[in-house]
Amino acid sequence: MDSILPVVVDCPAERHTPEYVRQRGIMHLKAPEGRLGHAFVELFAGTPADAAVVPDFVTVAWRKLCHNAAGVLPALLLQPSGVLHDEAIGETALQIVRECIAVGRAEGATLDDNVAEAVLRAYRAAPADGINSLHADRLAGRPMEIDARNGVIVRIGKKHGIPTPCNQMAVALLEAMVQEKADA
């Protein structure tokens, strides 16, 4: 198992068709400190990718999950990221991210109270027509990363006795939609 390296990938890209992927910015890769992390970063030397080792990988991973967790709303609504400009939807996104922050902190992440607002600002500053991977997978009828994005927040929240009602509802709705499609 010492050859498996967790990496946080932030690559703003959308797969429109199997042959066409639109990348909207530079790819950022974050690996934990250590021999494998440094070797991984060396693989990307001289490429346009921004690869780095980080001293607090747990915090970086949970911060990324905070951003991904809010992406469940466009996927549920089948609307691009611009839907987060709506005040009610934005407030729901804040609640989803706040639950993630609480669970992340219980897991050892150092997350400031302003992370939720920063996530919402990032969504609102991004192109309004952006489609995240969960949304794209739902549109294409592919399996969705429900558990990896919001389900993990619910599951680890239960382990720590932290309520996660917004994430739990999002997971339940997506899973019901998947089941309905499978039963059809």
Protein backbone atom coordinates (compact mmCIF):
# COMPACT_ATOMS: atom_id res chain seq x y z
CA MET A 1 0.00 0.00 0.00
CA ASP A 2 2.98 2.37 0.27
CA SER A 3 2.83 2.97 -3.48
CA ILE A 4 -0.69 4.46 -3.40
CA LEU A 5 -0.72 8.24 -3.22
CA PRO A 6 -3.83 10.32 -2.58
CA VAL A 7 -3.92 13.44 -4.76
CA VAL A 8 -6.38 16.32 -4.87
CA VAL A 9 -7.09 17.20 -8.49
CA ASP A 10 -8.59 20.52 -9.44
CA CYS A 11 -9.03 20.63 -13.19
CA PRO A 12 -11.84 22.84 -14.44
CA ALA A 13 -12.95 20.71 -17.36
CA GLU A 14 -16.21 19.54 -18.86
CA ARG A 15 -16.68 16.48 -21.03
CA HIS A 16 -19.17 17.47 -23.69
CA THR A 17 -18.83 14.28 -25.72
CA PRO A 18 -16.46 11.31 -25.46
CA GLU A 19 -14.27 13.05 -28.04
CA TYR A 20 -14.49 16.62 -26.72
CA VAL A 21 -13.38 17.92 -23.33
CA ARG A 22 -13.35 21.64 -22.62
CA GLN A 23 -10.70 22.64 -20.09
CA ARG A 24 -11.38 26.10 -18.66
CA GLY A 25 -8.16 26.59 -16.71
CA ILE A 26 -4.93 25.14 -15.43
CA MET A 27 -4.90 21.80 -13.63
CA HIS A 28 -3.80 21.96 -9.99
CA LEU A 29 -2.57 18.79 -8.28
CA LYS A 30 -1.87 18.61 -4.54
CA ALA A 31 -0.08 15.65 -2.96
CA PRO A 32 0.89 15.00 0.65
CA GLU A 33 4.44 15.56 1.87
CA GLY A 34 6.80 12.62 1.58
CA ARG A 35 8.86 10.63 -0.89
CA LEU A 36 5.88 9.61 -3.05
CA GLY A 37 4.45 13.14 -3.03
CA HIS A 38 7.71 14.65 -4.23
CA ALA A 39 8.14 11.92 -6.87
CA PHE A 40 4.60 12.61 -8.10
CA VAL A 41 5.27 16.34 -8.41
CA GLU A 42 8.43 15.62 -10.41
CA LEU A 43 6.31 13.79 -13.00
CA PHE A 44 4.71 17.12 -13.91
CA ALA A 45 7.87 19.22 -14.11
CA GLY A 46 7.90 21.18 -17.36
CA THR A 47 4.16 20.69 -17.98
CA PRO A 48 1.39 23.25 -17.75
CA ALA A 49 0.01 21.45 -14.69
CA ASP A 50 0.56 23.02 -11.28
CA ALA A 51 1.69 20.13 -9.07
CA ALA A 52 2.80 20.63 -5.48
CA VAL A 53 3.19 18.85 -2.18
CA VAL A 54 1.27 20.29 0.74
CA PRO A 55 2.07 19.97 4.42
CA ASP A 56 -1.60 19.62 5.50
CA PHE A 57 -3.15 17.29 2.94
CA VAL A 58 -6.20 16.58 5.14
CA THR A 59 -7.18 20.25 5.07
CA VAL A 60 -6.60 20.54 1.31
CA ALA A 61 -8.73 17.46 0.65
CA TRP A 62 -11.60 18.67 2.83
CA ARG A 63 -11.45 22.16 1.33
CA LYS A 64 -11.83 20.56 -2.13
CA LEU A 65 -14.71 18.44 -0.81
CA CYS A 66 -16.39 21.63 0.44
CA HIS A 67 -16.33 22.96 -3.11
CA ASN A 68 -17.48 19.66 -4.63
CA ALA A 69 -20.28 19.26 -2.08
CA ALA A 70 -21.95 22.49 -3.21
CA GLY A 71 -21.89 21.19 -6.79
CA VAL A 72 -24.70 18.79 -5.92
CA LEU A 73 -27.22 21.61 -6.37
CA PRO A 74 -26.63 22.24 -10.09
CA ALA A 75 -26.64 18.45 -10.57
CA LEU A 76 -29.97 18.09 -8.78
CA LEU A 77 -31.50 21.03 -10.65
CA LEU A 78 -29.94 20.12 -14.01
CA GLN A 79 -28.83 23.73 -14.38
CA PRO A 80 -25.33 25.12 -14.90
CA SER A 81 -23.38 26.61 -12.00
CA GLY A 82 -24.98 30.00 -12.56
CA VAL A 83 -27.97 28.69 -10.60
CA LEU A 84 -25.92 29.41 -7.47
CA HIS A 85 -26.47 33.14 -8.09
CA ASP A 86 -30.04 32.63 -6.88
CA GLU A 87 -30.24 33.70 -3.22
CA ALA A 88 -32.19 30.68 -1.97
CA ILE A 89 -29.97 28.23 -3.83
CA GLY A 90 -26.89 30.08 -2.62
CA GLU A 91 -28.09 29.84 0.99
CA THR A 92 -28.64 26.10 0.53
CA ALA A 93 -25.12 25.78 -0.85
CA LEU A 94 -23.79 27.56 2.24
CA GLN A 95 -25.59 25.07 4.49
CA ILE A 96 -24.24 22.09 2.53
CA VAL A 97 -20.70 23.45 2.82
CA ARG A 98 -21.07 24.32 6.52
CA GLU A 99 -21.99 20.69 7.21
CA CYS A 100 -18.88 19.62 5.30
CA ILE A 101 -16.75 22.03 7.32
CA ALA A 102 -18.04 20.60 10.60
CA VAL A 103 -17.33 17.03 9.51
CA GLY A 104 -13.94 17.97 8.06
CA ARG A 105 -12.94 19.62 11.33
CA ALA A 106 -13.90 16.44 13.20
CA GLU A 107 -11.54 14.58 10.85
CA GLY A 108 -8.66 16.95 11.63
CA ALA A 109 -8.97 19.52 8.85
CA THR A 110 -8.26 23.15 9.65
CA LEU A 111 -11.13 24.97 7.96
CA ASP A 112 -11.93 28.60 8.65
CA ASP A 113 -15.50 29.72 9.27
CA ASN A 114 -15.39 31.68 5.98
CA VAL A 115 -14.83 28.61 3.75
CA ALA A 116 -18.53 28.33 2.90
CA GLU A 117 -18.72 31.95 1.75
CA ALA A 118 -15.48 31.51 -0.22
CA VAL A 119 -16.92 28.46 -2.00
CA LEU A 120 -20.09 30.33 -2.93
CA ARG A 121 -18.04 33.34 -4.16
CA ALA A 122 -15.94 30.98 -6.30
CA TYR A 123 -19.03 29.45 -7.89
CA ARG A 124 -20.49 32.88 -8.53
CA ALA A 125 -17.22 34.15 -10.05
CA ALA A 126 -16.89 31.12 -12.35
CA PRO A 127 -18.52 30.96 -15.78
CA ALA A 128 -22.29 30.74 -15.26
CA ASP A 129 -22.55 28.02 -17.92
CA GLY A 130 -20.14 25.68 -16.10
CA ILE A 131 -21.13 22.05 -15.63
CA ASN A 132 -19.44 20.11 -12.83
CA SER A 133 -18.64 16.40 -13.18
CA LEU A 134 -21.58 15.22 -11.07
CA HIS A 135 -23.96 17.23 -13.23
CA ALA A 136 -22.28 16.05 -16.45
CA ASP A 137 -22.51 12.43 -15.35
CA ARG A 138 -26.19 12.80 -14.51
CA LEU A 139 -26.91 14.41 -17.89
CA ALA A 140 -25.05 11.63 -19.70
CA GLY A 141 -26.66 8.82 -17.70
CA ARG A 142 -23.29 7.75 -16.28
CA PRO A 143 -22.78 6.58 -12.70
CA MET A 144 -22.45 9.57 -10.40
CA GLU A 145 -19.94 10.09 -7.59
CA ILE A 146 -22.72 10.56 -5.04
CA ASP A 147 -20.90 8.78 -2.23
CA ALA A 148 -17.53 10.41 -2.91
CA ARG A 149 -18.98 13.91 -2.90
CA ASN A 150 -21.89 14.18 -0.47
CA GLY A 151 -22.35 10.65 0.82
CA VAL A 152 -18.97 10.70 2.55
CA ILE A 153 -20.01 13.83 4.45
CA VAL A 154 -23.15 12.07 5.68
CA ARG A 155 -21.32 8.84 6.55
CA ILE A 156 -18.44 10.48 8.43
CA GLY A 157 -20.84 12.95 10.03
CA LYS A 158 -22.76 10.01 11.54
CA LYS A 159 -19.49 8.56 12.83
CA HIS A 160 -18.84 11.81 14.73
CA GLY A 161 -22.46 12.48 15.71
CA ILE A 162 -22.64 15.53 13.44
CA PRO A 163 -26.00 16.14 11.75
CA THR A 164 -25.79 16.64 7.98
CA PRO A 165 -29.42 17.09 6.92
CA CYS A 166 -28.76 19.07 3.72
CA ASN A 167 -26.16 16.61 2.43
CA GLN A 168 -28.35 13.68 3.50
CA MET A 169 -31.28 15.09 1.54
CA ALA A 170 -29.13 15.69 -1.55
CA VAL A 171 -27.81 12.11 -1.41
CA ALA A 172 -31.30 10.67 -0.92
CA LEU A 173 -32.68 12.66 -3.87
CA LEU A 174 -29.87 11.68 -6.25
CA GLU A 175 -30.03 8.03 -5.20
CA ALA A 176 -33.82 8.04 -5.72
CA MET A 177 -33.34 9.51 -9.19
CA VAL A 178 -30.79 6.83 -10.04
CA GLN A 179 -33.13 4.09 -8.76
CA GLU A 180 -36.11 5.52 -10.65
CA LYS A 181 -34.08 5.49 -13.87
CA ALA A 182 -32.92 1.90 -13.21
CA ASP A 183 -36.50 0.77 -12.58
CA ALA A 184 -37.78 2.41 -15.78
